[in-house]
Protein backbone atom coordinates (compact mmCIF):
# COMPACT_ATOMS: atom_id res chain seq x y z
CA UNK A 1 99.22 122.72 107.97
CA UNK A 2 100.70 120.62 110.80
CA UNK A 3 102.32 117.20 110.41
CA UNK A 4 99.39 115.53 112.18
CA UNK A 5 96.95 117.20 109.77
CA UNK A 6 98.98 116.03 106.77
CA UNK A 7 98.99 112.53 108.22
CA UNK A 8 95.22 112.56 108.64
CA UNK A 9 94.72 113.80 105.08
CA UNK A 10 97.03 111.08 103.73
CA UNK A 11 95.02 108.48 105.64
CA UNK A 12 91.81 109.82 104.12
CA UNK A 13 93.42 109.76 100.66
CA UNK A 14 94.35 106.10 101.15
CA UNK A 15 90.79 105.24 102.17
CA UNK A 16 89.22 107.05 99.21
CA UNK A 17 91.83 105.82 96.72
CA UNK A 18 91.48 102.26 98.00
CA UNK A 19 87.70 102.29 97.67
CA UNK A 20 87.88 103.65 94.12
CA UNK A 21 90.63 101.28 92.97
CA UNK A 22 89.18 98.24 94.72
CA UNK A 23 85.60 98.66 93.51
CA UNK A 24 86.74 99.43 89.95
CA UNK A 25 88.95 96.33 90.01
CA UNK A 26 86.12 94.09 91.23
CA UNK A 27 83.76 95.27 88.44
CA UNK A 28 86.48 95.27 85.75
CA UNK A 29 85.37 93.44 82.57
CA UNK A 30 86.88 90.06 81.74
CA UNK A 31 88.49 91.30 78.52
CA UNK A 32 90.40 88.03 78.02
CA UNK A 33 87.08 86.24 77.37
CA UNK A 34 85.29 89.30 75.97
CA UNK A 35 87.74 91.32 73.83
CA UNK A 36 84.89 93.53 72.65
CA UNK A 37 84.64 95.03 76.14
CA UNK A 38 87.70 97.14 75.33
CA UNK A 39 85.76 99.19 72.78
CA UNK A 40 82.88 100.14 75.11
CA UNK A 41 82.36 103.46 76.87
CA UNK A 42 82.13 101.47 80.13
CA UNK A 43 85.74 100.36 79.64
CA UNK A 44 86.93 103.91 79.01
CA UNK A 45 85.09 105.38 82.00
CA UNK A 46 86.26 102.58 84.30
CA UNK A 47 89.90 103.17 83.43
CA UNK A 48 89.52 106.92 83.89
CA UNK A 49 88.15 106.10 87.36
CA UNK A 50 91.14 103.79 87.98
CA UNK A 51 93.47 106.58 86.92
CA UNK A 52 91.82 109.02 89.34
CA UNK A 53 91.86 106.47 92.18
CA UNK A 54 95.52 105.78 91.57
CA UNK A 55 96.40 109.50 91.77
CA UNK A 56 94.49 109.82 95.05
CA UNK A 57 96.12 106.71 96.57
CA UNK A 58 99.71 107.82 95.86
CA UNK A 59 99.99 110.38 98.71
CA UNK A 60 98.04 107.98 100.91
CA UNK A 61 100.66 105.26 100.51
CA UNK A 62 103.40 107.78 101.26
CA UNK A 63 101.57 108.73 104.46
CA UNK A 64 101.24 105.06 105.38
CA UNK A 65 104.98 104.51 105.03
CA UNK A 66 105.78 107.60 107.11
CA UNK A 67 103.40 106.24 109.74
CA UNK A 68 105.18 102.84 109.97
CA UNK A 69 108.74 103.80 108.96
CA UNK A 70 110.29 103.46 112.42
CA UNK A 71 108.99 99.91 112.86
CA UNK A 72 109.10 98.70 109.25
CA UNK A 73 112.90 98.73 108.95
CA UNK A 74 114.81 98.15 105.72
CA UNK A 75 112.27 95.58 104.55
CA UNK A 76 109.54 98.18 104.77
CA UNK A 77 111.62 100.84 103.02
CA UNK A 78 112.55 98.59 100.09
CA UNK A 79 109.01 97.23 99.86
CA UNK A 80 107.50 100.71 99.95
CA UNK A 81 109.85 102.10 97.29
CA UNK A 82 109.14 99.19 94.93
CA UNK A 83 105.42 99.30 95.63
CA UNK A 84 105.24 103.08 95.21
CA UNK A 85 107.20 102.87 91.95
CA UNK A 86 104.80 100.18 90.76
CA UNK A 87 101.82 102.40 91.64
CA UNK A 88 103.39 105.30 89.71
CA UNK A 89 103.94 103.03 86.70
CA UNK A 90 100.22 102.20 86.77
CA UNK A 91 99.46 105.80 85.74
CA UNK A 92 100.61 105.51 82.09
CA UNK A 93 99.05 102.03 81.93
CA UNK A 94 95.60 103.30 82.94
CA UNK A 95 95.98 106.26 80.55
CA UNK A 96 96.90 103.84 77.74
CA UNK A 97 93.96 101.56 78.53
CA UNK A 98 91.50 104.46 78.77
CA UNK A 99 92.46 106.54 75.74
CA UNK A 100 94.76 104.57 73.41
CA UNK A 101 93.61 100.96 73.59
CA UNK A 102 89.90 101.45 72.68
CA UNK A 103 90.52 103.22 69.33
CA UNK A 104 93.08 100.57 68.37
CA UNK A 105 90.69 97.74 69.28
CA UNK A 106 87.83 99.39 67.37
CA UNK A 107 89.88 99.50 64.15
CA UNK A 108 89.99 96.20 62.27
CA UNK A 109 93.53 96.93 61.15
CA UNK A 110 94.57 97.54 64.73
CA UNK A 111 93.24 94.26 66.17
CA UNK A 112 96.39 92.41 65.12
CA UNK A 113 98.45 94.87 67.17
CA UNK A 114 96.70 93.72 70.34
CA UNK A 115 97.73 90.09 69.91
CA UNK A 116 100.19 89.16 72.70
CA UNK A 117 102.58 87.96 70.00
CA UNK A 118 101.99 91.04 67.85
CA UNK A 119 104.39 93.95 67.31
CA UNK A 120 102.86 96.09 70.10
CA UNK A 121 103.09 93.76 73.10
CA UNK A 122 106.00 91.57 72.02
CA UNK A 123 108.35 94.58 71.97
CA UNK A 124 109.31 97.29 74.43
CA UNK A 125 105.71 97.88 75.58
CA UNK A 126 105.35 94.25 76.61
CA UNK A 127 108.63 94.43 78.52
CA UNK A 128 107.38 97.58 80.28
CA UNK A 129 104.13 95.91 81.35
CA UNK A 130 105.97 92.84 82.64
CA UNK A 131 108.57 94.95 84.48
CA UNK A 132 106.02 97.15 86.25
CA UNK A 133 103.95 94.07 87.21
CA UNK A 134 106.99 92.41 88.80
CA UNK A 135 108.08 95.63 90.56
CA UNK A 136 104.58 96.18 91.95
CA UNK A 137 104.14 92.55 93.05
CA UNK A 138 107.53 92.30 94.78
CA UNK A 139 106.96 95.64 96.51
CA UNK A 140 103.49 94.58 97.58
CA UNK A 141 104.85 91.37 99.14
CA UNK A 142 107.76 93.05 100.94
CA UNK A 143 105.74 96.01 102.20
CA UNK A 144 102.92 93.70 103.27
CA UNK A 145 105.38 91.57 105.22
CA UNK A 146 106.76 94.71 106.89
CA UNK A 147 103.24 95.89 107.80
CA UNK A 148 102.46 92.48 109.28
CA UNK A 149 105.65 92.53 111.32
CA UNK A 150 104.92 96.07 112.51
CA UNK A 151 101.30 95.08 113.31
CA UNK A 152 99.84 98.15 111.58
CA UNK A 153 96.93 98.18 111.92
CA UNK A 154 97.31 94.47 112.81
CA UNK A 155 99.18 91.41 111.54
CA UNK A 156 96.57 89.94 109.22
CA UNK A 157 96.10 93.17 107.24
CA UNK A 158 99.73 92.86 106.13
CA UNK A 159 98.96 89.42 104.74
CA UNK A 160 95.94 90.79 102.89
CA UNK A 161 98.26 93.44 101.45
CA UNK A 162 100.34 90.59 100.00
CA UNK A 163 97.24 89.05 98.37
CA UNK A 164 96.96 92.12 96.11
CA UNK A 165 100.28 91.23 94.43
CA UNK A 166 98.93 88.88 91.68
CA UNK A 167 96.56 91.54 90.28
CA UNK A 168 98.78 92.80 87.42
CA UNK A 169 99.20 89.23 86.14
CA UNK A 170 95.53 88.93 85.07
CA UNK A 171 95.52 87.73 82.34
CA UNK A 172 97.04 85.11 82.06
CA UNK A 173 95.78 84.39 85.60
CA UNK A 174 91.97 83.86 85.82
CA UNK A 175 89.72 86.91 86.08
CA UNK A 176 88.50 85.82 89.52
CA UNK A 177 92.03 86.48 90.81
CA UNK A 178 91.66 90.13 89.76
CA UNK A 179 88.33 90.38 91.57
CA UNK A 180 89.83 88.82 94.72
CA UNK A 181 92.73 91.29 94.67
CA UNK A 182 90.20 94.12 94.36
CA UNK A 183 88.43 92.99 97.52
CA UNK A 184 91.75 92.59 99.35
CA UNK A 185 92.79 96.06 98.21
CA UNK A 186 89.60 97.64 99.58
CA UNK A 187 90.08 96.05 103.00
CA UNK A 188 93.80 96.81 103.31
CA UNK A 189 93.71 100.40 102.06
CA UNK A 190 90.64 101.30 104.13
CA UNK A 191 91.97 99.76 107.36
CA UNK A 192 95.51 101.11 106.88
CA UNK A 193 94.14 104.51 105.89
CA UNK A 194 91.93 104.59 108.96
CA UNK A 195 94.91 103.64 111.18
CA UNK A 196 96.91 106.53 109.70
CA UNK A 197 93.96 108.93 109.96
CA UNK A 198 93.41 108.27 113.66
CA UNK A 199 97.11 107.91 114.47
CA UNK A 200 96.85 104.25 115.51
CA UNK A 201 100.32 102.88 116.12
CA UNK A 202 99.87 99.11 116.43
CA UNK A 203 97.25 96.55 117.27
CA UNK A 204 96.38 96.34 120.99
CA UNK A 205 98.94 94.50 123.06
CA UNK A 206 96.38 91.92 124.13
CA UNK A 207 95.67 91.04 120.50
CA UNK A 208 99.38 90.66 119.77
CA UNK A 209 99.78 88.31 122.73
CA UNK A 210 96.85 86.25 121.53
CA UNK A 211 98.36 86.00 118.05
CA UNK A 212 101.76 84.94 119.41
């Protein structure tokens, strides 16, 4: 398989992964106001879907970085590495939320474990969740800034990329923030994936002059 074919496949992976992740994020239950949602089959299936979407998006993001590497500079490299690490750290989180969290929440004795101040989240697991959220958010901001500077596929898509950063901090942020990040994720991944798929380098010169 040629390099151009690999690039096209990575672009397609980013489009598909972005659609899956974004739609699943938009329709994610507000478990902060409805803790019982965690015990439903809908919750389990949704997080299995998120897990699958995440796996599909990983090679897509790698293809996106390869596509912009020459113009993204050190900012893009650091942002991509942090963002990609954050995406990888989402895998055990989605597995935990799909297969471990529901049985704990369904057991009366396990409900206390799910309290933010309880033994489960106040220890190493809580530190892990906070660390991956920060890593992902910082990477999202830096990589988004690099994409905007490189104008791939155009400047404003990079800024939308940045708007995805607050997602892991819901809760305590309001649930509507999570839904907004889901919409931003759909737009950015689909447009960036399409740019990679068709080999689009930058926005048209006329558009860049108009934005200047």
